[in-house]
Amino acid sequence: MNQEKLKNNVFIPMPVTLVGSVVNSKPNFMAVGWVTRANFTPPMIAIGIGKSHYTPTGIIENKEFSVCFPSESMARETDYCGLVSGEKVDKASLFDVFYGEQTRAPMIEACPFNLECKLIQTIDLPSNYLFLGEIVGAYADKKFVQPNGPDFKAMDLFFLTMPDNRYWSMGEEIGKAWSMGKELMK
């Protein structure tokens, strides 16, 4: 066997996002990598955030949040939003902020892709909150909208790996999902 057993607390490659909430009547953003789609209909997303952070206060209080997907050109600002606390620094001042239908889910104009979410459930885990949100609005920069949906490759989204703490580009397409494996069906 060529597989080596790793520690159980292993991290997987994660999309880099900026989660937005309104805290103390001001928009705030924090870098979050623990993000996943959680339900098809209605569309839902789950995000994991450490309890010690400032942003969860706004999510819990307002029952709204955003998940903004920055491009590689925003890596420095995104990293900064993961290094400093919104309790001490106005991170929203780095961005042009906009709102969709909700007034407590700030989104970032410069991000090529943004999701506006309504909090459905908060799961209180030992060190983190797991927020489950219904996606009530999805926004993409017009230049990335194609007839079949958003052009994610052109958006230059990026990923995080841990424990090496590295950012990675999305890479090239390798095939069509739910299609390329059909040749193995009998």
Protein backbone atom coordinates (compact mmCIF):
# COMPACT_ATOMS: atom_id res chain seq x y z
CA MET A 1 0.00 0.00 0.00
CA ASN A 2 1.36 3.44 -0.95
CA GLN A 3 -0.97 5.39 1.34
CA GLU A 4 0.49 6.98 4.46
CA LYS A 5 -1.78 7.57 7.46
CA LEU A 6 -2.02 11.25 8.40
CA LYS A 7 -3.27 12.99 11.50
CA ASN A 8 -7.08 12.98 11.65
CA ASN A 9 -7.24 16.77 11.88
CA VAL A 10 -6.21 17.20 8.24
CA PHE A 11 -7.32 20.17 6.14
CA ILE A 12 -8.56 19.92 2.58
CA PRO A 13 -8.06 22.57 -0.14
CA MET A 14 -10.62 25.29 0.51
CA PRO A 15 -12.05 28.17 -1.50
CA VAL A 16 -10.89 31.55 -0.23
CA THR A 17 -13.82 33.83 0.59
CA LEU A 18 -14.63 37.00 2.45
CA VAL A 19 -17.65 36.57 4.69
CA GLY A 20 -19.57 39.75 5.36
CA SER A 21 -21.89 40.74 8.18
CA VAL A 22 -23.04 43.94 9.80
CA VAL A 23 -21.63 44.28 13.32
CA ASN A 24 -22.51 47.26 15.50
CA SER A 25 -24.26 48.90 12.51
CA LYS A 26 -21.13 48.71 10.29
CA PRO A 27 -20.24 46.32 7.47
CA ASN A 28 -17.43 43.92 8.32
CA PHE A 29 -15.57 41.23 6.39
CA MET A 30 -13.33 38.35 7.41
CA ALA A 31 -11.38 35.79 5.38
CA VAL A 32 -12.99 32.34 5.56
CA GLY A 33 -11.89 29.11 3.91
CA TRP A 34 -14.26 26.66 5.58
CA VAL A 35 -17.05 26.98 3.02
CA THR A 36 -19.20 24.38 1.26
CA ARG A 37 -22.47 24.06 -0.60
CA ALA A 38 -24.85 22.19 1.73
CA ASN A 39 -28.21 21.77 -0.06
CA PHE A 40 -29.55 21.85 -3.61
CA THR A 41 -33.15 23.08 -3.22
CA PRO A 42 -33.38 25.52 -1.61
CA PRO A 43 -29.74 26.40 -2.28
CA MET A 44 -27.78 26.47 0.99
CA ILE A 45 -24.19 27.05 2.00
CA ALA A 46 -22.33 26.20 5.21
CA ILE A 47 -19.45 28.20 6.68
CA GLY A 48 -17.32 27.39 9.70
CA ILE A 49 -15.99 30.29 11.79
CA GLY A 50 -14.09 30.23 15.08
CA LYS A 51 -16.11 31.48 18.04
CA SER A 52 -13.44 34.00 19.05
CA HIS A 53 -13.92 36.07 15.88
CA TYR A 54 -15.86 39.34 15.64
CA THR A 55 -17.96 38.53 12.54
CA PRO A 56 -20.15 35.78 14.08
CA THR A 57 -21.69 38.39 16.39
CA GLY A 58 -23.27 40.12 13.40
CA ILE A 59 -24.36 36.87 11.74
CA ILE A 60 -26.09 35.65 14.90
CA GLU A 61 -27.66 39.03 15.67
CA ASN A 62 -28.88 39.91 12.16
CA LYS A 63 -29.52 36.42 10.75
CA GLU A 64 -27.86 37.46 7.46
CA PHE A 65 -24.40 37.20 5.92
CA SER A 66 -22.62 37.22 2.60
CA VAL A 67 -20.00 34.97 1.06
CA CYS A 68 -17.84 36.94 -1.38
CA PHE A 69 -15.36 35.19 -3.69
CA PRO A 70 -12.33 37.41 -4.38
CA SER A 71 -10.11 37.14 -7.44
CA GLU A 72 -6.37 36.45 -7.22
CA SER A 73 -5.74 40.18 -7.68
CA MET A 74 -7.45 40.71 -4.29
CA ALA A 75 -5.23 38.22 -2.41
CA ARG A 76 -3.41 40.87 -0.36
CA GLU A 77 -6.63 42.55 0.82
CA THR A 78 -8.21 39.16 1.49
CA ASP A 79 -5.24 38.00 3.54
CA TYR A 80 -5.31 41.28 5.49
CA CYS A 81 -8.98 40.64 6.35
CA GLY A 82 -7.85 37.36 7.93
CA LEU A 83 -5.09 39.00 9.95
CA VAL A 84 -6.91 41.87 11.68
CA SER A 85 -10.12 42.05 13.68
CA GLY A 86 -13.07 44.18 12.61
CA GLU A 87 -13.42 45.05 16.28
CA LYS A 88 -10.30 47.24 15.91
CA VAL A 89 -10.06 47.96 12.15
CA ASP A 90 -12.64 49.09 9.58
CA LYS A 91 -11.91 46.41 6.96
CA ALA A 92 -14.93 47.43 4.88
CA SER A 93 -13.11 50.67 4.02
CA LEU A 94 -10.91 48.61 1.68
CA PHE A 95 -13.88 47.90 -0.58
CA ASP A 96 -16.85 49.39 -2.37
CA VAL A 97 -19.70 47.68 -0.52
CA PHE A 98 -23.14 46.95 -1.95
CA TYR A 99 -26.29 45.23 -0.72
CA GLY A 100 -28.85 43.05 -2.44
CA GLU A 101 -32.33 42.50 -1.04
CA GLN A 102 -31.05 42.15 2.52
CA THR A 103 -29.69 45.09 4.48
CA ARG A 104 -27.35 43.14 6.78
CA ALA A 105 -25.40 41.07 4.23
CA PRO A 106 -22.74 43.41 2.81
CA MET A 107 -21.09 42.30 -0.42
CA ILE A 108 -17.97 43.50 -2.23
CA GLU A 109 -18.23 45.14 -5.65
CA ALA A 110 -14.67 44.11 -6.62
CA CYS A 111 -15.37 40.42 -5.95
CA PRO A 112 -16.35 38.72 -9.19
CA PHE A 113 -18.87 36.49 -7.38
CA ASN A 114 -20.99 37.18 -4.27
CA LEU A 115 -23.66 35.24 -2.40
CA GLU A 116 -26.31 36.86 -0.20
CA CYS A 117 -27.48 34.51 2.55
CA LYS A 118 -30.21 34.24 5.15
CA LEU A 119 -29.15 32.38 8.31
CA ILE A 120 -31.13 29.14 8.67
CA GLN A 121 -29.30 27.45 11.52
CA THR A 122 -26.31 27.94 13.80
CA ILE A 123 -24.61 24.77 14.99
CA ASP A 124 -22.55 25.34 18.12
CA LEU A 125 -19.46 23.15 17.80
CA PRO A 126 -16.64 22.91 20.39
CA SER A 127 -14.40 25.60 18.85
CA ASN A 128 -16.41 26.92 15.90
CA TYR A 129 -19.86 27.93 14.80
CA LEU A 130 -21.18 26.23 11.70
CA PHE A 131 -23.56 28.65 10.00
CA LEU A 132 -26.05 27.21 7.54
CA GLY A 133 -27.44 29.84 5.23
CA GLU A 134 -29.96 29.86 2.43
CA ILE A 135 -28.59 31.56 -0.67
CA VAL A 136 -31.20 34.23 -1.43
CA GLY A 137 -29.15 36.12 -4.02
CA ALA A 138 -26.19 35.40 -6.27
CA TYR A 139 -24.31 38.20 -8.02
CA ALA A 140 -21.55 38.07 -10.63
CA ASP A 141 -19.59 40.81 -12.35
CA LYS A 142 -21.24 41.26 -15.76
CA LYS A 143 -17.99 40.60 -17.60
CA PHE A 144 -17.96 37.04 -16.22
CA VAL A 145 -21.56 36.11 -17.03
CA GLN A 146 -21.90 33.69 -19.96
CA PRO A 147 -25.09 32.24 -21.48
CA ASN A 148 -24.61 29.04 -19.42
CA GLY A 149 -23.79 30.81 -16.15
CA PRO A 150 -20.72 32.36 -14.51
CA ASP A 151 -17.28 31.84 -16.06
CA PHE A 152 -15.45 30.78 -12.89
CA LYS A 153 -12.14 30.21 -14.67
CA ALA A 154 -12.07 33.82 -15.88
CA MET A 155 -12.86 35.05 -12.35
CA ASP A 156 -9.42 33.90 -11.14
CA LEU A 157 -10.73 32.58 -7.83
CA PHE A 158 -8.20 30.99 -5.50
CA PHE A 159 -7.83 28.30 -2.85
CA LEU A 160 -6.12 27.85 0.52
CA THR A 161 -4.24 24.80 1.73
CA MET A 162 -3.26 24.17 5.33
CA PRO A 163 -1.10 23.53 7.33
CA ASP A 164 1.31 24.96 4.74
CA ASN A 165 -0.84 28.14 4.60
CA ARG A 166 -0.54 28.67 0.84
CA TYR A 167 -2.85 30.25 -1.71
CA TRP A 168 -3.31 28.49 -5.06
CA SER A 169 -4.93 29.45 -8.34
CA MET A 170 -7.91 27.51 -9.66
CA GLY A 171 -6.02 25.83 -12.52
CA GLU A 172 -7.15 24.39 -15.82
CA GLU A 173 -10.28 22.44 -16.65
CA ILE A 174 -9.60 18.69 -16.76
CA GLY A 175 -12.98 17.42 -17.94
CA LYS A 176 -16.77 17.65 -17.75
CA ALA A 177 -18.36 16.44 -14.49
CA TRP A 178 -21.05 13.75 -14.68
CA SER A 179 -19.90 13.03 -18.21
CA MET A 180 -16.27 11.94 -18.56
CA GLY A 181 -16.82 8.88 -16.35
CA LYS A 182 -19.60 7.55 -18.56
CA GLU A 183 -17.08 5.67 -20.67
CA LEU A 184 -16.52 3.39 -17.67
CA MET A 185 -20.24 2.51 -17.39
CA LYS A 186 -21.33 -0.87 -18.67
